[in-house]
Every structure is written in C-alpha cells, then in structure tokens.
Amino acid sequence: MSKKRLNVRVAAAEVVANVCRGQSLSTLLPAYSERVEEKDRPLLKEISFGCLRWYPQISLLLKQLIKKPLREKDLEIHTLIACGIYQLMHMRISDHAVVNETVTATKGLSRPWAKGLVNAVLRNFQREMPRLMESYADQPVFLAAHPKWLLKKLELAWSPAVAADIVSANNLRAPMTLRVNARRNSRDEYLAKLQNANIGAKKTPYSDVGIVLDEAIDVAKLPGFVQGDSSVQDEAAQLACSLLELSSGQVVLDACCAPGGKTCHILESELNLQSLVAVDSEPRRLNRVEENLCRLNLQANLVTADVSALDAWWDKTFFDRILLDAPCSATGVIRRHPDIKILRKPADIDKLAKIQLRLIESLWQTLGNEGILVYATCSVLPEENDLVVKAFAQSRTDVEIMTINEAWGVATVCGRQLFPVADGHDGFYYAKLRKTSPSDLNADNKAGR
C-alpha cells in the first residue's frame, strides 16, 4: 500500500516552521518534496521559498493580525498563516482558494481547533491590507524584507544605492545558469542545441562557458545533460577557474569543495593536471561531488576531512594552486537560500571570519613557492572578505595580494566583489594570493619532486 501523501500546504507550513527552529531549507525541501504528490512539488517550492523570502515582512504583519501570540508548539499554525499571506500577496491563486485550502490544512496539521483562527486572520488581512501596509510604510525591515542587523551592515559597507540594489536582488528569484562542458561542445554549439529544443537562453557576459536560461526547467529536459554536456552553476562561481591560472602538470587543491561545481570546472578546463585533491568535511555533501564527477566522466581524489586539520589528510606534497571556497554567511546568495534571513545571526559573521582566517593560515602551509591561492566566498560583507585577506597578508612576509584585472564586479582593497544582479550572477568575492618566499620545508620538497 502506498504511503499517504502530505497536503502541500501542510508540508509548506512544516518546512517554514522547521526553518524557524534552525533547520536549513536545502535539507528540508527535498525530504518534504518526496512526501507530497509529484504535481504539487513546484507549488511546495514556490510557497516555501516565497514565504521565507518575505518572512521578515510577513512576520510584522502577523504581529498585528494575531493579537494573542501562539504557543511554541503551535508554530506550524503561525507559519501556515504566513504561507497563506504570502499566497494572497504574491501568487496568482484566487483569494477564495487560498483561504479555503489554508483553513483545510489545519486538519492535516492535527490542529482542527485553529480552523476558525486561520480563517479569521486571513480574511482580516484581506480587508485590512491597505491599512497594514501603510502602517509599516516607514519601517526599513518591512520595506526591505531583511533583518535589521543585515540592513545595517550593508549600509555601512556600501553606498546607499549599492545596498538598495543588493536588497532588491535578494528579493528576486534567481535565474538558472549553466556551465557548458568545453570538453564536449562549445558554448555556441550548446546554445544551438537549446534552440533546437525550444529552450530560450543567452550567453553570460563574463564567463565564456556560461549560459542563462530564460526560464528555469528540469535538468532532465536539458539536451545532453545526462551525458555531461552542461552543468548548473551560477556565473559568479564559474569565474573562479580562470583566476587559478591552470596549466599542465599542476597539483591542485579544491578546499571545501562540495557540491563540486568548481571541482568539475577545474577538470573540464585543464585536461593534464598532475592531480586534483578535493576536500570537504561532510560525507553527504562529498557524495554529491562524486555524483557530479561521475556524470561528467571526471576523476579527482576525494577526501573527507576538516581541511584545516592538515595531519588528517595532507601527504606533504605541496600544491601549485589552491581554491579555498570558504564557509561564509552566504549573504550574496540569499535569493537562492532565503532561509538565510532567518537562520543567520549577527554574531555569526565574526565567528565565520575567524574560521576563514584559520583556513587560509592552515592551507598556506600546503602551498608551494610561487603558488597561487584563490580565496572565494559568496558573501557581500567586507568582514568575511577584504578584512580577512588583509589580516592574513599583514601577518606574514610571503604573501603577495595579486590585482584581479577583470571587467566583472568592483575592485576592493584586496580583491574583487560581485553583487547579486537581477537575471544575472550571484554576489561573490574573490582574492588572489601568491606565495613569494620558500620555507626550508618547501625547498626540500621542491628538490625531491
């Protein structure tokens, strides 16, 4: 007997509630998608993403609409109503259907007592929406749908216009961008394949292997995807590979490599590397790297380890190139991960900066003389970017901060910053560091190679 499927609005309410309790959307959504009817999966994604995208705004509305705060154990009713408000404000579903279906979902949440409450709050919102919107007209958190602490950091870091553009882009849906596998076809050849399949697309402005689709589609519908003709990867992430200055015979490290997009791009770009070591601390995420490598018929030495714990994985062979895609706040990819608005806290930024600095300091020991380390984050906050790189460079005498002469992004003191762009790339930061003086150990290693 088949397992009973979950009502899609019940599933959405539980997803948003569990994010509020600290779980990630990227973990929750696949699991819940398996529990709803296949036809309802796009709707589950839309409601979950949309409600979280606008949650800072919706939660303020609920403060006025729900006079008596609900108990923690009834958080799902709070998020069910939030999902209902998102649908009323942003989706092309009739108001009548939204209210009725949301009220019905109280039964699926095993809280039939909330039927009247949900009905009353949603109908009150319909009547009072103009007044409610006006009451928050001068509140930045409501208007921007971003937490106050993040708005303040953006305003301190960038000009008012740039900060406003970041916020605006964060509240949009992200485009679907592909990386063409140059081993199998040129970008023009793959664009022709897409055209023949009636899939609208255009070239990315900065990556020479990037394509942006007019509309997101199932990867199964992409021509040659299973055979490895293309991969899904944002344009900003595609820019890492050229910064590494890859050439034949190099020993390369991809640190914090999951889910493997950059790992695969490195191997697609340079056929004759001596070796590529790809390290990540999470076995589950490393499985995704292996899946991507298998689909593209590529090989790398995959290692499960804390990349900063050198004794656990490093064999004392020095690397010519290192890509450190450091763990970060992900404030440049909020449109892809709207749960960041809820999950990320102000104290996280300092904690992450310390981790980032520790990672550079550890990995620098593994870099050969004249080797290049590319430091990357998907953050738009200087505390995780320029300030980390500057602190590291000032602590040593063997670090050259290389100038990144590219047309993309804006130059910063130590690197180059991309901001999220509507219908374009994500927010990303890159710095490029060269090791300028050998240690005795490095010299011994060079002599022995």
Protein backbone atom coordinates (compact mmCIF):
# COMPACT_ATOMS: atom_id res chain seq x y z
CA MET A 1 0.00 0.00 0.00
CA SER A 2 1.40 3.41 -0.98
CA LYS A 3 2.23 5.86 1.76
CA LYS A 4 -0.35 8.62 2.24
CA ARG A 5 0.84 11.86 0.70
CA LEU A 6 1.10 15.09 2.65
CA ASN A 7 -1.13 18.05 1.79
CA VAL A 8 1.07 20.62 0.03
CA ARG A 9 0.13 23.49 2.36
CA VAL A 10 0.70 21.31 5.41
CA ALA A 11 4.13 20.49 4.02
CA ALA A 12 4.93 24.17 3.36
CA ALA A 13 3.88 25.18 6.89
CA GLU A 14 6.08 22.46 8.39
CA VAL A 15 9.05 23.41 6.19
CA VAL A 16 8.87 27.09 7.22
CA ALA A 17 8.33 26.17 10.88
CA ASN A 18 11.37 23.90 10.89
CA VAL A 19 13.46 26.64 9.30
CA CYS A 20 12.33 28.92 12.15
CA ARG A 21 13.58 26.21 14.52
CA GLY A 22 17.01 26.29 12.91
CA GLN A 23 16.98 23.74 10.08
CA SER A 24 18.07 24.61 6.54
CA LEU A 25 15.71 24.87 3.59
CA SER A 26 18.12 22.94 1.36
CA THR A 27 17.86 19.96 3.72
CA LEU A 28 14.14 20.18 4.40
CA LEU A 29 12.71 20.78 0.93
CA PRO A 30 13.97 17.60 -0.79
CA ALA A 31 12.67 15.45 2.06
CA TYR A 32 9.25 17.11 2.08
CA SER A 33 9.03 17.06 -1.73
CA GLU A 34 9.12 13.27 -1.56
CA ARG A 35 6.09 13.34 0.74
CA VAL A 36 3.74 15.35 -1.49
CA GLU A 37 2.18 14.47 -4.83
CA GLU A 38 4.57 14.98 -7.73
CA LYS A 39 2.24 17.53 -9.31
CA ASP A 40 2.35 19.59 -6.09
CA ARG A 41 6.15 19.79 -5.79
CA PRO A 42 6.54 23.03 -7.77
CA LEU A 43 3.83 24.62 -5.57
CA LEU A 44 5.57 23.42 -2.40
CA LYS A 45 8.82 25.00 -3.57
CA GLU A 46 7.13 28.26 -4.53
CA ILE A 47 5.28 28.66 -1.23
CA SER A 48 8.28 27.64 0.88
CA PHE A 49 10.77 29.85 -0.94
CA GLY A 50 8.35 32.75 -1.24
CA CYS A 51 7.21 32.74 2.37
CA LEU A 52 10.81 32.66 3.61
CA ARG A 53 11.84 35.36 1.14
CA TRP A 54 9.23 37.72 2.55
CA TYR A 55 9.14 36.37 6.11
CA PRO A 56 10.65 39.48 7.78
CA GLN A 57 7.77 41.44 6.27
CA ILE A 58 5.04 38.86 6.84
CA SER A 59 6.03 38.32 10.49
CA LEU A 60 5.48 42.04 11.16
CA LEU A 61 2.01 41.81 9.62
CA LEU A 62 1.21 38.84 11.83
CA LYS A 63 2.10 40.82 14.94
CA GLN A 64 -0.91 42.99 14.24
CA LEU A 65 -3.15 40.25 12.90
CA ILE A 66 -2.67 37.71 15.72
CA LYS A 67 -3.45 39.50 18.96
CA LYS A 68 -2.53 36.63 21.28
CA PRO A 69 0.84 35.02 20.44
CA LEU A 70 0.64 31.31 19.69
CA ARG A 71 2.48 28.76 21.79
CA GLU A 72 5.82 27.44 20.54
CA LYS A 73 4.27 24.01 19.97
CA ASP A 74 1.77 25.66 17.61
CA LEU A 75 4.42 27.33 15.46
CA GLU A 76 3.08 25.43 12.43
CA ILE A 77 -0.19 27.39 12.68
CA HIS A 78 1.77 30.64 12.66
CA THR A 79 3.73 29.54 9.59
CA LEU A 80 0.61 28.17 7.90
CA ILE A 81 -0.97 31.62 8.16
CA ALA A 82 2.30 33.16 6.94
CA CYS A 83 2.21 30.89 3.90
CA GLY A 84 -1.40 31.93 3.31
CA ILE A 85 -0.48 35.62 3.44
CA TYR A 86 2.38 35.05 1.01
CA GLN A 87 -0.05 33.43 -1.44
CA LEU A 88 -2.55 36.27 -1.08
CA MET A 89 0.15 38.89 -1.67
CA HIS A 90 2.29 37.31 -4.36
CA MET A 91 0.69 34.33 -6.10
CA ARG A 92 -1.86 34.05 -8.86
CA ILE A 93 -4.24 31.86 -6.91
CA SER A 94 -7.74 33.10 -6.20
CA ASP A 95 -8.13 34.56 -2.73
CA HIS A 96 -11.09 32.25 -2.11
CA ALA A 97 -8.99 29.17 -2.89
CA VAL A 98 -6.07 30.35 -0.77
CA VAL A 99 -8.26 30.92 2.29
CA ASN A 100 -10.19 27.67 1.91
CA GLU A 101 -7.13 25.49 1.29
CA THR A 102 -5.17 27.10 4.13
CA VAL A 103 -8.04 26.59 6.57
CA THR A 104 -8.40 22.97 5.45
CA ALA A 105 -4.66 22.42 6.15
CA THR A 106 -5.27 22.84 9.90
CA LYS A 107 -6.72 19.34 9.89
CA GLY A 108 -3.60 17.94 8.25
CA LEU A 109 -1.53 19.64 10.96
CA SER A 110 -3.67 17.87 13.60
CA ARG A 111 -4.85 21.22 14.93
CA PRO A 112 -8.52 21.44 13.95
CA TRP A 113 -9.06 23.95 16.77
CA ALA A 114 -7.17 26.51 14.65
CA LYS A 115 -9.64 26.42 11.77
CA GLY A 116 -11.54 29.49 12.96
CA LEU A 117 -8.36 31.40 13.82
CA VAL A 118 -6.78 30.83 10.43
CA ASN A 119 -9.98 31.78 8.61
CA ALA A 120 -10.42 34.95 10.68
CA VAL A 121 -6.80 36.12 10.33
CA LEU A 122 -6.65 35.62 6.57
CA ARG A 123 -9.99 37.32 5.97
CA ASN A 124 -8.99 40.17 8.26
CA PHE A 125 -5.78 40.54 6.27
CA GLN A 126 -7.77 40.77 3.05
CA ARG A 127 -9.89 43.59 4.50
CA GLU A 128 -7.08 45.42 6.31
CA MET A 129 -4.22 45.02 3.84
CA PRO A 130 -4.07 48.69 2.69
CA ARG A 131 -4.07 49.93 6.30
CA LEU A 132 -1.49 47.36 7.39
CA MET A 133 0.84 48.21 4.53
CA GLU A 134 0.54 51.90 5.32
CA SER A 135 1.32 51.33 9.00
CA TYR A 136 4.73 49.92 8.06
CA ALA A 137 5.47 52.36 5.24
CA ASP A 138 8.39 53.95 7.08
CA GLN A 139 9.97 50.79 8.52
CA PRO A 140 13.11 49.59 6.66
CA VAL A 141 12.81 45.96 7.82
CA PHE A 142 9.28 45.77 6.42
CA LEU A 143 10.09 47.51 3.15
CA ALA A 144 13.29 45.56 2.52
CA ALA A 145 12.14 42.22 3.97
CA HIS A 146 15.60 41.82 5.52
CA PRO A 147 16.64 41.58 9.17
CA LYS A 148 17.68 44.88 10.73
CA TRP A 149 21.25 43.79 11.51
CA LEU A 150 21.91 42.83 7.89
CA LEU A 151 20.50 46.08 6.53
CA LYS A 152 22.80 47.98 8.87
CA LYS A 153 25.87 46.00 7.75
CA LEU A 154 25.06 46.56 4.08
CA GLU A 155 24.58 50.29 4.64
CA LEU A 156 27.92 50.54 6.48
CA ALA A 157 29.78 48.57 3.83
CA TRP A 158 28.44 50.06 0.63
CA SER A 159 26.85 53.19 -0.79
CA PRO A 160 23.08 53.62 -0.26
CA ALA A 161 22.45 52.83 -3.93
CA VAL A 162 24.53 49.64 -3.89
CA ALA A 163 22.98 48.47 -0.61
CA ALA A 164 19.50 49.07 -2.06
CA ASP A 165 20.39 47.11 -5.20
CA ILE A 166 21.66 44.17 -3.12
CA VAL A 167 18.42 44.09 -1.13
CA SER A 168 16.31 44.33 -4.27
CA ALA A 169 18.20 41.50 -5.99
CA ASN A 170 17.98 39.34 -2.86
CA ASN A 171 14.19 39.51 -3.05
CA LEU A 172 14.03 38.26 -6.64
CA ARG A 173 14.03 34.72 -7.97
CA ALA A 174 17.48 33.64 -9.08
CA PRO A 175 17.99 32.72 -12.74
CA MET A 176 19.03 29.26 -13.84
CA THR A 177 22.57 29.41 -15.24
CA LEU A 178 24.51 26.65 -16.98
CA ARG A 179 28.21 25.96 -17.43
CA VAL A 180 28.93 24.39 -20.79
CA ASN A 181 31.36 21.47 -20.73
CA ALA A 182 34.06 22.66 -23.14
CA ARG A 183 35.31 19.07 -23.45
CA ARG A 184 32.11 18.09 -25.21
CA ASN A 185 30.86 21.21 -27.02
CA SER A 186 31.44 24.92 -27.44
CA ARG A 187 29.04 27.44 -25.95
CA ASP A 188 27.68 28.31 -29.40
CA GLU A 189 27.11 24.64 -30.17
CA TYR A 190 25.22 24.14 -26.92
CA LEU A 191 23.14 27.28 -27.49
CA ALA A 192 22.12 25.75 -30.81
CA LYS A 193 21.09 22.54 -29.03
CA LEU A 194 18.96 24.59 -26.62
CA GLN A 195 17.40 26.48 -29.52
CA ASN A 196 16.54 23.21 -31.27
CA ALA A 197 14.85 22.08 -28.03
CA ASN A 198 12.87 25.36 -27.90
CA ILE A 199 14.65 26.45 -24.72
CA GLY A 200 15.29 30.19 -24.59
CA ALA A 201 18.79 31.15 -23.44
CA LYS A 202 21.57 33.72 -23.78
CA LYS A 203 25.30 33.96 -23.13
CA THR A 204 26.59 35.20 -19.79
CA PRO A 205 28.58 38.45 -20.07
CA TYR A 206 31.68 37.39 -18.11
CA SER A 207 32.08 33.62 -18.11
CA ASP A 208 32.96 32.30 -21.56
CA VAL A 209 31.23 28.99 -20.83
CA GLY A 210 28.10 30.38 -19.16
CA ILE A 211 24.51 30.39 -20.39
CA VAL A 212 21.46 31.90 -18.65
CA LEU A 213 18.11 30.27 -19.37
CA ASP A 214 15.06 32.44 -19.94
CA GLU A 215 13.16 30.20 -17.53
CA ALA A 216 14.23 27.55 -15.05
CA ILE A 217 13.48 23.99 -16.20
CA ASP A 218 14.04 20.44 -15.02
CA VAL A 219 17.62 19.40 -15.82
CA ALA A 220 16.23 16.23 -17.39
CA LYS A 221 14.89 18.43 -20.20
CA LEU A 222 18.29 19.92 -20.99
CA PRO A 223 19.83 18.41 -24.13
CA GLY A 224 22.80 16.20 -23.31
CA PHE A 225 22.70 16.91 -19.58
CA VAL A 226 22.87 13.25 -18.58
CA GLN A 227 25.80 12.77 -20.96
CA GLY A 228 27.67 15.72 -19.42
CA ASP A 229 27.16 18.49 -21.99
CA SER A 230 26.41 21.04 -19.27
CA SER A 231 26.08 21.63 -15.54
CA VAL A 232 24.04 24.01 -13.41
CA GLN A 233 26.33 26.67 -11.92
CA ASP A 234 25.94 30.39 -11.34
CA GLU A 235 28.13 32.68 -13.43
CA ALA A 236 29.88 34.18 -10.40
CA ALA A 237 31.04 30.72 -9.31
CA GLN A 238 32.28 30.00 -12.84
CA LEU A 239 34.79 32.85 -12.58
CA ALA A 240 36.96 31.00 -10.04
CA CYS A 241 38.56 28.72 -12.58
CA SER A 242 40.27 31.35 -14.73
CA LEU A 243 41.72 33.05 -11.64
CA LEU A 244 43.67 29.88 -10.81
CA GLU A 245 45.81 30.17 -13.97
CA LEU A 246 45.76 26.41 -14.52
CA SER A 247 48.33 24.62 -16.66
CA SER A 248 49.55 21.10 -17.41
CA GLY A 249 51.25 19.15 -14.65
CA GLN A 250 49.99 21.19 -11.70
CA VAL A 251 48.96 19.76 -8.35
CA VAL A 252 45.69 21.44 -7.35
CA LEU A 253 43.62 21.55 -4.15
CA ASP A 254 39.92 22.36 -4.09
CA ALA A 255 39.24 23.06 -0.42
CA CYS A 256 35.65 22.98 0.92
CA CYS A 257 34.73 21.58 -2.47
CA ALA A 258 31.09 20.46 -2.14
CA PRO A 259 28.84 20.30 -4.11
CA GLY A 260 31.60 20.07 -6.70
CA GLY A 261 30.75 22.62 -9.37
CA LYS A 262 34.16 24.26 -9.21
CA THR A 263 35.89 20.88 -8.89
CA CYS A 264 34.37 19.76 -12.17
CA HIS A 265 35.04 23.10 -13.87
CA ILE A 266 38.74 22.84 -12.97
CA LEU A 267 38.94 19.38 -14.54
CA GLU A 268 36.98 20.45 -17.62
CA SER A 269 39.32 23.43 -18.09
CA GLU A 270 42.69 21.68 -17.77
CA LEU A 271 42.98 18.14 -19.09
CA ASN A 272 46.51 17.44 -17.91
CA LEU A 273 46.73 18.27 -14.23
CA GLN A 274 49.07 16.02 -12.28
CA SER A 275 46.35 15.67 -9.63
CA LEU A 276 43.32 17.36 -8.11
CA VAL A 277 42.57 16.82 -4.43
CA ALA A 278 39.04 17.83 -3.39
CA VAL A 279 38.36 18.04 0.35
CA ASP A 280 35.12 18.54 2.25
CA SER A 281 34.16 17.81 5.85
CA GLU A 282 30.69 16.37 5.19
CA PRO A 283 30.43 12.86 3.68
CA ARG A 284 26.87 13.53 2.48
CA ARG A 285 27.97 16.60 0.56
CA LEU A 286 31.02 14.80 -0.80
CA ASN A 287 28.65 12.20 -2.26
CA ARG A 288 27.20 14.98 -4.42
CA VAL A 289 30.69 15.83 -5.66
CA GLU A 290 31.19 12.20 -6.64
CA GLU A 291 27.84 12.14 -8.46
CA ASN A 292 28.79 15.24 -10.46
CA LEU A 293 32.19 13.81 -11.34
CA CYS A 294 30.63 10.52 -12.48
CA ARG A 295 28.08 12.26 -14.73
CA LEU A 296 30.85 14.29 -16.36
CA ASN A 297 33.25 11.32 -16.56
CA LEU A 298 35.88 13.13 -14.49
CA GLN A 299 38.17 11.96 -11.70
CA ALA A 300 39.53 13.61 -8.57
CA ASN A 301 40.98 12.45 -5.27
CA LEU A 302 38.06 13.00 -2.89
CA VAL A 303 38.89 13.34 0.81
CA THR A 304 36.51 13.63 3.77
CA ALA A 305 38.23 15.80 6.36
CA ASP A 306 38.36 19.13 8.12
CA VAL A 307 40.61 20.82 5.58
CA SER A 308 42.33 22.84 8.32
CA ALA A 309 43.40 19.64 10.15
CA LEU A 310 46.38 19.02 7.87
CA ASP A 311 47.64 15.92 9.67
CA ALA A 312 44.37 14.16 8.86
CA TRP A 313 44.70 14.37 5.07
CA TRP A 314 47.76 16.19 3.69
CA ASP A 315 50.59 13.97 2.44
CA LYS A 316 53.16 16.82 2.42
CA THR A 317 53.02 17.22 -1.37
CA PHE A 318 52.85 20.95 -1.99
CA PHE A 319 50.12 22.39 -4.17
CA ASP A 320 50.70 24.68 -7.13
CA ARG A 321 47.15 26.04 -6.93
CA ILE A 322 44.59 26.17 -4.13
CA LEU A 323 40.95 27.19 -4.39
CA LEU A 324 39.52 27.98 -0.98
CA ASP A 325 35.75 28.42 -1.29
CA ALA A 326 35.40 29.31 2.38
CA PRO A 327 32.30 28.73 4.52
CA CYS A 328 30.57 32.08 4.86
CA SER A 329 27.35 33.93 5.64
CA ALA A 330 26.07 33.35 2.06
CA THR A 331 24.71 36.90 2.03
CA GLY A 332 25.41 37.07 -1.71
CA VAL A 333 23.08 34.15 -2.50
CA ILE A 334 20.06 34.97 -0.32
CA ARG A 335 17.79 34.78 -3.36
CA ARG A 336 18.79 31.09 -3.69
CA HIS A 337 18.69 30.48 0.07
CA PRO A 338 16.04 32.79 1.56
CA ASP A 339 16.18 30.91 4.86
CA ILE A 340 19.42 32.85 5.50
CA LYS A 341 17.21 35.79 6.52
CA ILE A 342 16.00 33.71 9.46
CA LEU A 343 18.94 31.42 10.22
CA ARG A 344 21.85 33.84 10.06
CA LYS A 345 22.55 35.91 13.19
CA PRO A 346 24.83 38.97 13.70
CA ALA A 347 27.28 37.03 15.89
CA ASP A 348 27.79 34.51 13.06
CA ILE A 349 29.81 36.97 11.00
CA ASP A 350 32.68 37.31 13.47
CA LYS A 351 32.69 33.55 14.06
CA LEU A 352 32.86 32.89 10.33
CA ALA A 353 35.66 35.43 9.84
CA LYS A 354 37.76 33.59 12.44
CA ILE A 355 37.13 30.28 10.67
CA GLN A 356 38.01 31.83 7.30
CA LEU A 357 41.29 33.24 8.63
CA ARG A 358 42.19 29.91 10.23
CA LEU A 359 41.56 28.12 6.93
CA ILE A 360 43.83 30.44 4.95
CA GLU A 361 46.57 30.17 7.58
CA SER A 362 46.39 26.37 7.54
CA LEU A 363 46.24 25.94 3.78
CA TRP A 364 49.04 28.43 3.17
CA GLN A 365 51.37 25.82 4.68
CA THR A 366 50.46 23.44 1.85
CA LEU A 367 51.07 25.93 -0.98
CA GLY A 368 54.32 25.67 -2.93
CA ASN A 369 56.59 28.63 -3.59
CA GLU A 370 55.16 30.90 -6.31
CA GLY A 371 51.88 29.02 -5.94
CA ILE A 372 48.52 30.81 -6.09
CA LEU A 373 45.67 30.60 -3.59
CA VAL A 374 42.28 31.93 -4.71
CA TYR A 375 40.09 32.88 -1.76
CA ALA A 376 36.36 32.92 -2.52
CA THR A 377 33.13 33.50 -0.62
CA CYS A 378 29.51 34.03 -1.61
CA SER A 379 29.32 36.90 0.87
CA VAL A 380 28.89 40.63 0.26
CA LEU A 381 30.22 41.60 3.71
CA PRO A 382 33.79 43.00 3.95
CA GLU A 383 34.26 41.35 7.37
CA GLU A 384 34.42 37.99 5.59
CA ASN A 385 36.27 39.21 2.54
CA ASP A 386 38.76 42.06 2.40
CA LEU A 387 39.24 42.22 6.15
CA VAL A 388 40.08 38.51 6.36
CA VAL A 389 42.54 38.70 3.48
CA LYS A 390 44.13 41.89 4.82
CA ALA A 391 44.57 40.41 8.30
CA PHE A 392 46.24 37.34 6.82
CA ALA A 393 48.54 39.27 4.49
CA GLN A 394 49.65 41.60 7.28
CA SER A 395 50.61 38.65 9.48
CA ARG A 396 53.18 37.25 7.00
CA THR A 397 56.03 38.33 4.75
CA ASP A 398 55.48 35.77 1.99
CA VAL A 399 52.11 36.97 0.69
CA GLU A 400 51.56 38.97 -2.48
CA ILE A 401 47.99 40.21 -3.00
CA MET A 402 47.58 40.00 -6.77
CA THR A 403 45.46 42.50 -8.65
CA ILE A 404 42.45 40.97 -10.37
CA ASN A 405 42.13 42.85 -13.66
CA GLU A 406 38.67 41.80 -14.79
CA ALA A 407 35.60 43.57 -16.13
CA TRP A 408 33.27 41.94 -13.61
CA GLY A 409 32.46 43.25 -10.14
CA VAL A 410 34.15 46.17 -8.41
CA ALA A 411 37.72 46.41 -7.19
CA THR A 412 38.24 46.34 -3.43
CA VAL A 413 41.43 46.84 -1.43
CA CYS A 414 42.37 43.16 -1.57
CA GLY A 415 40.20 41.59 -4.25
CA ARG A 416 37.08 41.98 -6.32
CA GLN A 417 33.43 41.98 -5.23
CA LEU A 418 30.41 40.96 -7.28
CA PHE A 419 26.94 41.93 -6.15
CA PRO A 420 23.80 39.91 -6.98
CA VAL A 421 22.25 41.07 -10.25
CA ALA A 422 18.67 40.61 -11.40
CA ASP A 423 18.67 37.95 -14.17
CA GLY A 424 22.43 37.69 -13.73
CA HIS A 425 25.15 36.45 -11.40
CA ASP A 426 25.08 35.99 -7.62
CA GLY A 427 27.01 38.00 -5.06
CA PHE A 428 30.57 36.69 -4.75
CA TYR A 429 34.04 37.78 -3.61
CA TYR A 430 37.46 36.76 -4.89
CA ALA A 431 41.01 37.49 -3.76
CA LYS A 432 44.14 36.10 -5.37
CA LEU A 433 47.27 35.49 -3.30
CA ARG A 434 50.75 34.40 -4.42
CA LYS A 435 53.34 32.77 -2.14
CA THR A 436 56.51 34.73 -2.63
CA SER A 437 59.22 33.13 -0.47
CA PRO A 438 60.05 29.46 0.13
CA SER A 439 60.38 27.86 3.54
CA ASP A 440 63.07 25.29 4.20
CA LEU A 441 60.47 22.55 4.06
CA ASN A 442 59.18 23.87 0.74
CA ALA A 443 62.69 23.98 -0.68
CA ASP A 444 63.29 20.37 0.40
CA ASN A 445 60.02 19.36 -1.22
CA LYS A 446 60.91 21.10 -4.50
CA ALA A 447 64.27 19.34 -4.59
CA GLY A 448 62.60 15.99 -4.11
CA ARG A 449 59.97 16.38 -6.79
